[in-house]
Amino acid sequence: MAQYRRFQKRVNKRKRKRRLFTFFLLPILILGLSATAYGSYLFVKAKTVASDSYEGLGDRDNSPMRDRKIDPKKDDISILFMGVDDSETRKFGKSARTDALILATFNETNKTVKLVSIPRDSRVYIPEVNRKDKITHAHAYGGPKATVETVEHLFNVPVDYYVKVNFKAFTDIVDSLGGIDFDVPYAMSEKDSKDRHNAIVLKPGNQHLNGEEALAVARTRKQDNDIERGKRQQQLIEAMIKKAASIGSLNKYGNLIEAVGDNMKTNLMFGEMLSFYDYASKKVDIETINLDGSDEKINGVYYFKLDNDSVEKVSEKLRKHLGIESTSDTTE
């Protein structure tokens, strides 16, 4: 697992906020790295889990912004990572909203990655319903496909793949690792993954957290805000990766694969997942990109108003990274 440590060390050098990227990329890296490192048993297990996790986007075989089928082994590609507010209790399915959205572009030649975090309350045009609304609602209107199409429209770039995970993926991964050590910032009383009020009670300080406790720490914002919550989520992910790098049990790696696969949906095939091994095994340059904007209220509803110039600059940067001809066109 030295690859994980080198990968994490490289990413940590970036000064800008990564937020939840590692959480969303983790399923791909686990499947690729574990299959490569531990031979036939985990390879077959990972392949089975990947097959069970596959979910296409209806009649959308590839982005309409592409003139051919993309091959991640050879081409520059993009992946939209979605974290949804779903659980066994909520059972929202395609009606769930996205709590976190990160668009990642991968440049095959230079082995570079660019990441754009999209605030969940961003007011954007949603093609599925032909009007503007919070981007978090796109998934509720039309599942991953509607979210993918919304992000394509926002940045004027193709979205080739998506990876979607839910609350249970987080808790199961932590539990499969045997828990993680974490410095809880303050006393808290939070819901658990089944939405039972005050089910998780934690005192401040260093302690060993199980999956439900780690999720409570990741979700809380009662005493601060979304920015601080994002920092905590990043610290939790770092703790998870540190623990994953230290475990040596074959069974634990098998459980880890199952924890991811049972709670993940993606239109990536297993062979396509394995192609991302190169990004983990080499010195990858990762740049995080933030969107500018401001708070606004419309008819008493809070939105995050994206700055048009910022969106355009991000669009140009992503298009260049994907090897797509630059354009001066802007989206709504």
Protein backbone atom coordinates (compact mmCIF):
# COMPACT_ATOMS: atom_id res chain seq x y z
CA MET A 1 0.00 0.00 0.00
CA ALA A 2 3.00 2.31 -0.43
CA GLN A 3 1.21 3.69 -3.46
CA TYR A 4 -1.52 5.07 -1.20
CA ARG A 5 1.01 6.87 0.99
CA ARG A 6 2.86 8.38 -1.96
CA PHE A 7 -0.43 9.41 -3.53
CA GLN A 8 -1.69 11.01 -0.32
CA LYS A 9 1.61 12.79 0.35
CA ARG A 10 1.51 14.32 -3.10
CA VAL A 11 -2.06 15.51 -2.70
CA ASN A 12 -1.40 16.97 0.75
CA LYS A 13 1.06 19.43 -0.74
CA ARG A 14 -1.78 21.20 -2.49
CA LYS A 15 -2.80 24.33 -0.62
CA ARG A 16 -6.30 24.55 -1.95
CA LYS A 17 -9.15 22.53 -0.48
CA ARG A 18 -9.80 19.06 -1.88
CA ARG A 19 -12.88 18.37 0.24
CA LEU A 20 -14.31 14.93 -0.57
CA PHE A 21 -12.33 13.93 -3.68
CA THR A 22 -10.45 11.06 -2.09
CA PHE A 23 -13.68 9.58 -0.76
CA PHE A 24 -15.14 9.43 -4.23
CA LEU A 25 -12.01 8.23 -5.97
CA LEU A 26 -11.37 5.63 -3.29
CA PRO A 27 -13.66 2.95 -4.83
CA ILE A 28 -11.73 3.03 -8.08
CA LEU A 29 -8.32 3.01 -6.40
CA ILE A 30 -9.27 0.20 -4.04
CA LEU A 31 -10.51 -2.01 -6.86
CA GLY A 32 -7.53 -1.32 -9.07
CA LEU A 33 -4.80 -1.49 -6.43
CA SER A 34 -6.19 -4.46 -4.52
CA ALA A 35 -6.71 -6.52 -7.65
CA THR A 36 -3.17 -5.81 -8.79
CA ALA A 37 -1.54 -6.44 -5.43
CA TYR A 38 -3.29 -9.57 -4.19
CA GLY A 39 -3.84 -11.73 -7.22
CA SER A 40 -6.68 -13.95 -8.29
CA TYR A 41 -8.84 -14.05 -5.13
CA LEU A 42 -9.32 -10.31 -4.79
CA PHE A 43 -9.27 -9.84 -8.54
CA VAL A 44 -12.32 -12.07 -8.93
CA LYS A 45 -13.97 -10.50 -5.87
CA ALA A 46 -13.35 -6.98 -7.17
CA LYS A 47 -14.60 -7.90 -10.62
CA THR A 48 -17.82 -9.31 -9.17
CA VAL A 49 -18.41 -6.25 -7.00
CA ALA A 50 -17.70 -3.93 -9.93
CA SER A 51 -20.17 -5.83 -12.07
CA ASP A 52 -22.86 -5.55 -9.39
CA SER A 53 -22.18 -1.81 -9.05
CA TYR A 54 -22.57 -1.07 -12.74
CA GLU A 55 -25.50 1.14 -13.67
CA GLY A 56 -25.64 2.79 -17.07
CA LEU A 57 -27.31 6.07 -17.96
CA GLY A 58 -30.20 4.75 -20.03
CA ASP A 59 -29.81 5.43 -23.71
CA ARG A 60 -26.73 7.54 -23.09
CA ASP A 61 -23.81 5.33 -24.17
CA ASN A 62 -21.44 8.28 -24.18
CA SER A 63 -21.60 12.04 -23.82
CA PRO A 64 -23.30 13.79 -26.76
CA MET A 65 -20.34 16.17 -26.64
CA ARG A 66 -18.09 13.32 -27.79
CA ASP A 67 -17.85 12.17 -31.41
CA ARG A 68 -16.77 8.65 -30.43
CA LYS A 69 -16.60 6.19 -27.53
CA ILE A 70 -13.97 7.21 -24.98
CA ASP A 71 -11.33 4.76 -23.71
CA PRO A 72 -9.81 5.77 -20.33
CA LYS A 73 -6.72 3.70 -21.11
CA LYS A 74 -5.91 6.01 -24.01
CA ASP A 75 -8.00 9.17 -23.78
CA ASP A 76 -8.39 12.18 -21.53
CA ILE A 77 -11.64 11.64 -19.63
CA SER A 78 -13.88 13.14 -16.97
CA ILE A 79 -15.70 11.61 -14.00
CA LEU A 80 -18.43 13.18 -11.89
CA PHE A 81 -18.29 12.00 -8.27
CA MET A 82 -21.59 12.18 -6.40
CA GLY A 83 -22.21 11.78 -2.69
CA VAL A 84 -25.95 11.32 -2.08
CA ASP A 85 -28.00 11.80 1.08
CA ASP A 86 -29.44 8.30 0.90
CA SER A 87 -29.48 5.42 3.39
CA GLU A 88 -31.33 2.19 4.16
CA THR A 89 -33.85 4.19 6.20
CA ARG A 90 -34.42 7.00 3.72
CA LYS A 91 -34.58 4.78 0.63
CA PHE A 92 -34.74 7.82 -1.61
CA GLY A 93 -33.18 6.02 -4.57
CA LYS A 94 -33.10 8.31 -7.58
CA SER A 95 -35.02 10.91 -5.58
CA ALA A 96 -32.05 11.45 -3.27
CA ARG A 97 -30.19 14.74 -3.46
CA THR A 98 -26.45 15.12 -3.90
CA ASP A 99 -24.67 16.36 -0.79
CA ALA A 100 -21.37 16.68 -2.63
CA LEU A 101 -20.39 16.97 -6.29
CA ILE A 102 -16.86 16.92 -7.65
CA LEU A 103 -15.98 16.92 -11.34
CA ALA A 104 -12.59 15.40 -12.08
CA THR A 105 -10.73 15.53 -15.39
CA PHE A 106 -7.88 13.13 -16.12
CA ASN A 107 -5.15 13.87 -18.66
CA GLU A 108 -3.76 10.54 -19.84
CA THR A 109 -0.58 11.88 -21.43
CA ASN A 110 0.64 13.99 -18.50
CA LYS A 111 -1.03 11.94 -15.73
CA THR A 112 -2.56 15.06 -14.24
CA VAL A 113 -5.91 15.52 -12.52
CA LYS A 114 -8.03 18.61 -12.07
CA LEU A 115 -10.86 18.71 -9.53
CA VAL A 116 -13.76 21.12 -9.29
CA SER A 117 -15.97 21.11 -6.20
CA ILE A 118 -19.49 22.35 -6.97
CA PRO A 119 -21.37 23.85 -3.99
CA ARG A 120 -24.57 21.88 -3.44
CA ASP A 121 -26.78 24.99 -3.32
CA SER A 122 -25.44 26.46 -6.59
CA ARG A 123 -28.29 27.87 -8.66
CA VAL A 124 -27.85 26.43 -12.16
CA TYR A 125 -29.87 25.46 -15.21
CA ILE A 126 -31.15 21.87 -14.99
CA PRO A 127 -31.99 20.51 -18.47
CA GLU A 128 -34.20 17.74 -17.03
CA VAL A 129 -36.78 20.28 -15.83
CA ASN A 130 -35.84 23.18 -18.14
CA ARG A 131 -35.34 25.71 -15.35
CA LYS A 132 -32.84 26.91 -12.81
CA ASP A 133 -32.70 25.36 -9.35
CA LYS A 134 -30.19 24.15 -6.78
CA ILE A 135 -27.81 21.67 -8.37
CA THR A 136 -28.42 19.28 -5.45
CA HIS A 137 -31.98 18.81 -6.74
CA ALA A 138 -30.91 17.59 -10.19
CA HIS A 139 -30.48 14.03 -8.90
CA ALA A 140 -33.95 14.08 -7.36
CA TYR A 141 -35.41 15.18 -10.70
CA GLY A 142 -33.71 12.53 -12.82
CA GLY A 143 -31.03 10.54 -11.03
CA PRO A 144 -27.37 10.45 -12.08
CA LYS A 145 -28.24 11.18 -15.72
CA ALA A 146 -29.93 14.49 -14.87
CA THR A 147 -26.99 15.48 -12.66
CA VAL A 148 -24.47 14.57 -15.35
CA GLU A 149 -26.36 16.61 -17.96
CA THR A 150 -26.60 19.56 -15.58
CA VAL A 151 -22.85 19.60 -14.98
CA GLU A 152 -22.19 19.27 -18.70
CA HIS A 153 -24.37 22.29 -19.36
CA LEU A 154 -22.76 24.28 -16.55
CA PHE A 155 -19.16 23.84 -17.73
CA ASN A 156 -19.66 23.07 -21.42
CA VAL A 157 -17.50 19.95 -21.09
CA PRO A 158 -18.36 16.26 -21.58
CA VAL A 159 -18.96 14.14 -18.49
CA ASP A 160 -17.85 10.66 -19.51
CA TYR A 161 -18.44 8.71 -16.30
CA TYR A 162 -20.00 9.03 -12.87
CA VAL A 163 -19.42 7.37 -9.49
CA LYS A 164 -22.17 7.61 -6.86
CA VAL A 165 -21.87 6.55 -3.22
CA ASN A 166 -24.19 6.89 -0.21
CA PHE A 167 -23.96 7.23 3.58
CA LYS A 168 -23.65 3.48 4.11
CA ALA A 169 -20.54 3.31 1.96
CA PHE A 170 -18.85 5.64 4.42
CA THR A 171 -19.89 3.76 7.56
CA ASP A 172 -19.14 0.33 6.08
CA ILE A 173 -15.66 1.36 4.94
CA VAL A 174 -14.78 2.68 8.40
CA ASP A 175 -16.15 -0.47 10.07
CA SER A 176 -14.33 -2.76 7.63
CA LEU A 177 -11.11 -1.00 8.65
CA GLY A 178 -11.83 -1.72 12.31
CA GLY A 179 -12.59 1.93 13.02
CA ILE A 180 -10.36 5.01 12.89
CA ASP A 181 -8.66 7.31 15.39
CA PHE A 182 -9.82 10.91 15.27
CA ASP A 183 -9.67 14.13 17.27
CA VAL A 184 -13.33 15.12 17.72
CA PRO A 185 -13.40 18.96 17.77
CA TYR A 186 -16.28 19.46 20.21
CA ALA A 187 -19.06 17.66 22.05
CA MET A 188 -21.87 16.66 19.75
CA SER A 189 -25.18 14.86 19.69
CA GLU A 190 -26.16 13.82 16.16
CA LYS A 191 -28.40 11.58 14.09
CA ASP A 192 -27.16 8.21 12.98
CA SER A 193 -27.49 6.83 9.44
CA LYS A 194 -31.05 5.75 10.24
CA ASP A 195 -31.98 9.36 11.11
CA ARG A 196 -32.53 8.62 14.80
CA HIS A 197 -32.09 11.89 16.69
CA ASN A 198 -29.28 12.13 19.27
CA ALA A 199 -28.29 8.51 18.59
CA ILE A 200 -24.60 9.44 18.40
CA VAL A 201 -23.16 11.28 21.40
CA LEU A 202 -19.46 12.15 21.38
CA LYS A 203 -17.15 14.05 23.70
CA PRO A 204 -14.32 16.22 22.35
CA GLY A 205 -10.80 14.83 22.06
CA ASN A 206 -8.85 11.97 20.51
CA GLN A 207 -10.82 8.72 20.35
CA HIS A 208 -11.52 5.61 18.30
CA LEU A 209 -14.59 6.00 16.08
CA ASN A 210 -16.74 3.34 14.46
CA GLY A 211 -18.53 3.94 11.17
CA GLU A 212 -21.67 5.55 12.63
CA GLU A 213 -19.62 7.84 14.86
CA ALA A 214 -17.35 8.86 11.99
CA LEU A 215 -20.40 9.67 9.85
CA ALA A 216 -21.83 11.86 12.62
CA VAL A 217 -18.57 13.82 12.76
CA ALA A 218 -18.59 14.14 8.97
CA ARG A 219 -22.17 15.42 8.82
CA THR A 220 -22.36 17.81 11.77
CA ARG A 221 -22.43 21.57 11.21
CA LYS A 222 -24.54 22.70 14.15
CA GLN A 223 -21.68 24.58 15.79
CA ASP A 224 -19.90 25.88 12.70
CA ASN A 225 -20.55 25.80 8.94
CA ASP A 226 -20.08 23.96 5.64
CA ILE A 227 -16.48 25.11 5.31
CA GLU A 228 -15.49 23.61 8.65
CA ARG A 229 -17.51 20.48 7.87
CA GLY A 230 -15.53 20.11 4.65
CA LYS A 231 -12.28 20.29 6.63
CA ARG A 232 -13.47 17.60 9.02
CA GLN A 233 -14.50 15.36 6.16
CA GLN A 234 -11.05 15.72 4.65
CA GLN A 235 -9.39 14.85 7.96
CA LEU A 236 -11.63 11.79 8.28
CA ILE A 237 -10.67 10.61 4.81
CA GLU A 238 -7.00 11.02 5.63
CA ALA A 239 -7.53 8.94 8.76
CA MET A 240 -9.26 6.26 6.68
CA ILE A 241 -6.46 6.13 4.12
CA LYS A 242 -3.84 5.96 6.89
CA LYS A 243 -5.68 3.01 8.42
CA ALA A 244 -6.13 1.31 5.04
CA ALA A 245 -2.40 1.61 4.40
CA SER A 246 -1.62 -0.12 7.70
CA ILE A 247 -3.87 -3.17 7.53
CA GLY A 248 -2.38 -6.41 6.26
CA SER A 249 -5.28 -8.85 6.42
CA LEU A 250 -6.50 -10.27 3.13
CA ASN A 251 -9.96 -10.65 4.63
CA LYS A 252 -10.05 -6.97 5.56
CA TYR A 253 -9.25 -5.97 2.00
CA GLY A 254 -12.02 -8.26 0.82
CA ASN A 255 -14.43 -6.63 3.27
CA LEU A 256 -13.28 -3.22 2.12
CA ILE A 257 -14.09 -4.04 -1.50
CA GLU A 258 -17.53 -5.31 -0.49
CA ALA A 259 -18.20 -2.19 1.62
CA VAL A 260 -17.52 0.00 -1.38
CA GLY A 261 -19.29 -2.12 -3.96
CA ASP A 262 -22.50 -2.64 -2.01
CA ASN A 263 -23.07 1.11 -1.82
CA MET A 264 -21.70 2.38 -5.10
CA LYS A 265 -23.20 2.87 -8.55
CA THR A 266 -21.15 3.74 -11.59
CA ASN A 267 -21.13 3.43 -15.37
CA LEU A 268 -17.46 2.42 -15.28
CA MET A 269 -16.77 -1.14 -16.33
CA PHE A 270 -14.23 -3.19 -14.34
CA GLY A 271 -11.61 -2.99 -17.07
CA GLU A 272 -12.02 0.76 -17.19
CA MET A 273 -11.56 0.99 -13.42
CA LEU A 274 -8.26 -0.86 -13.64
CA SER A 275 -6.92 1.72 -16.07
CA PHE A 276 -6.78 4.25 -13.20
CA TYR A 277 -4.00 2.27 -11.52
CA ASP A 278 -1.47 4.38 -13.42
CA TYR A 279 -2.76 7.52 -11.76
CA ALA A 280 -2.16 5.98 -8.32
CA SER A 281 1.17 4.33 -9.03
CA LYS A 282 2.90 7.36 -10.57
CA LYS A 283 3.61 10.87 -9.34
CA VAL A 284 0.31 12.48 -10.15
CA ASP A 285 -0.09 16.24 -10.24
CA ILE A 286 -3.49 17.11 -8.76
CA GLU A 287 -4.95 20.60 -8.92
CA THR A 288 -8.09 21.56 -7.03
CA ILE A 289 -10.22 24.36 -8.43
CA ASN A 290 -12.78 26.39 -6.51
CA LEU A 291 -15.69 28.32 -7.96
CA ASP A 292 -16.32 31.90 -6.90
CA GLY A 293 -19.76 33.11 -5.98
CA SER A 294 -21.95 34.73 -3.36
CA ASP A 295 -24.99 34.02 -1.19
CA GLU A 296 -28.39 35.11 -2.42
CA LYS A 297 -32.04 34.62 -1.53
CA ILE A 298 -34.86 34.33 -4.05
CA ASN A 299 -38.41 34.28 -2.67
CA GLY A 300 -36.96 33.46 0.73
CA VAL A 301 -34.94 30.46 -0.54
CA TYR A 302 -31.17 30.40 -0.10
CA TYR A 303 -28.95 29.80 -3.12
CA PHE A 304 -25.27 30.07 -3.94
CA LYS A 305 -24.91 32.39 -6.93
CA LEU A 306 -22.00 31.29 -9.10
CA ASP A 307 -19.84 34.03 -10.58
CA ASN A 308 -20.16 33.84 -14.39
CA ASP A 309 -16.53 34.79 -15.03
CA SER A 310 -15.37 32.12 -12.60
CA VAL A 311 -17.50 29.47 -14.32
CA GLU A 312 -16.15 30.49 -17.72
CA LYS A 313 -12.53 30.36 -16.55
CA VAL A 314 -13.06 26.92 -15.03
CA SER A 315 -14.73 25.74 -18.23
CA GLU A 316 -11.78 26.88 -20.34
CA LYS A 317 -9.31 25.20 -18.00
CA LEU A 318 -11.19 21.89 -18.04
CA ARG A 319 -11.62 21.93 -21.82
CA LYS A 320 -7.91 22.52 -22.28
CA HIS A 321 -7.11 19.70 -19.85
CA LEU A 322 -9.38 17.36 -21.81
CA GLY A 323 -7.79 18.37 -25.10
CA ILE A 324 -10.97 20.01 -26.34
CA GLU A 325 -10.82 23.07 -28.53
CA SER A 326 -11.25 26.24 -26.49
CA THR A 327 -14.47 28.16 -26.84
CA SER A 328 -15.73 31.54 -25.78
CA ASP A 329 -19.28 30.26 -25.43
CA THR A 330 -20.78 30.53 -21.98
CA THR A 331 -23.58 28.62 -20.33
CA GLU A 332 -26.51 30.07 -18.50
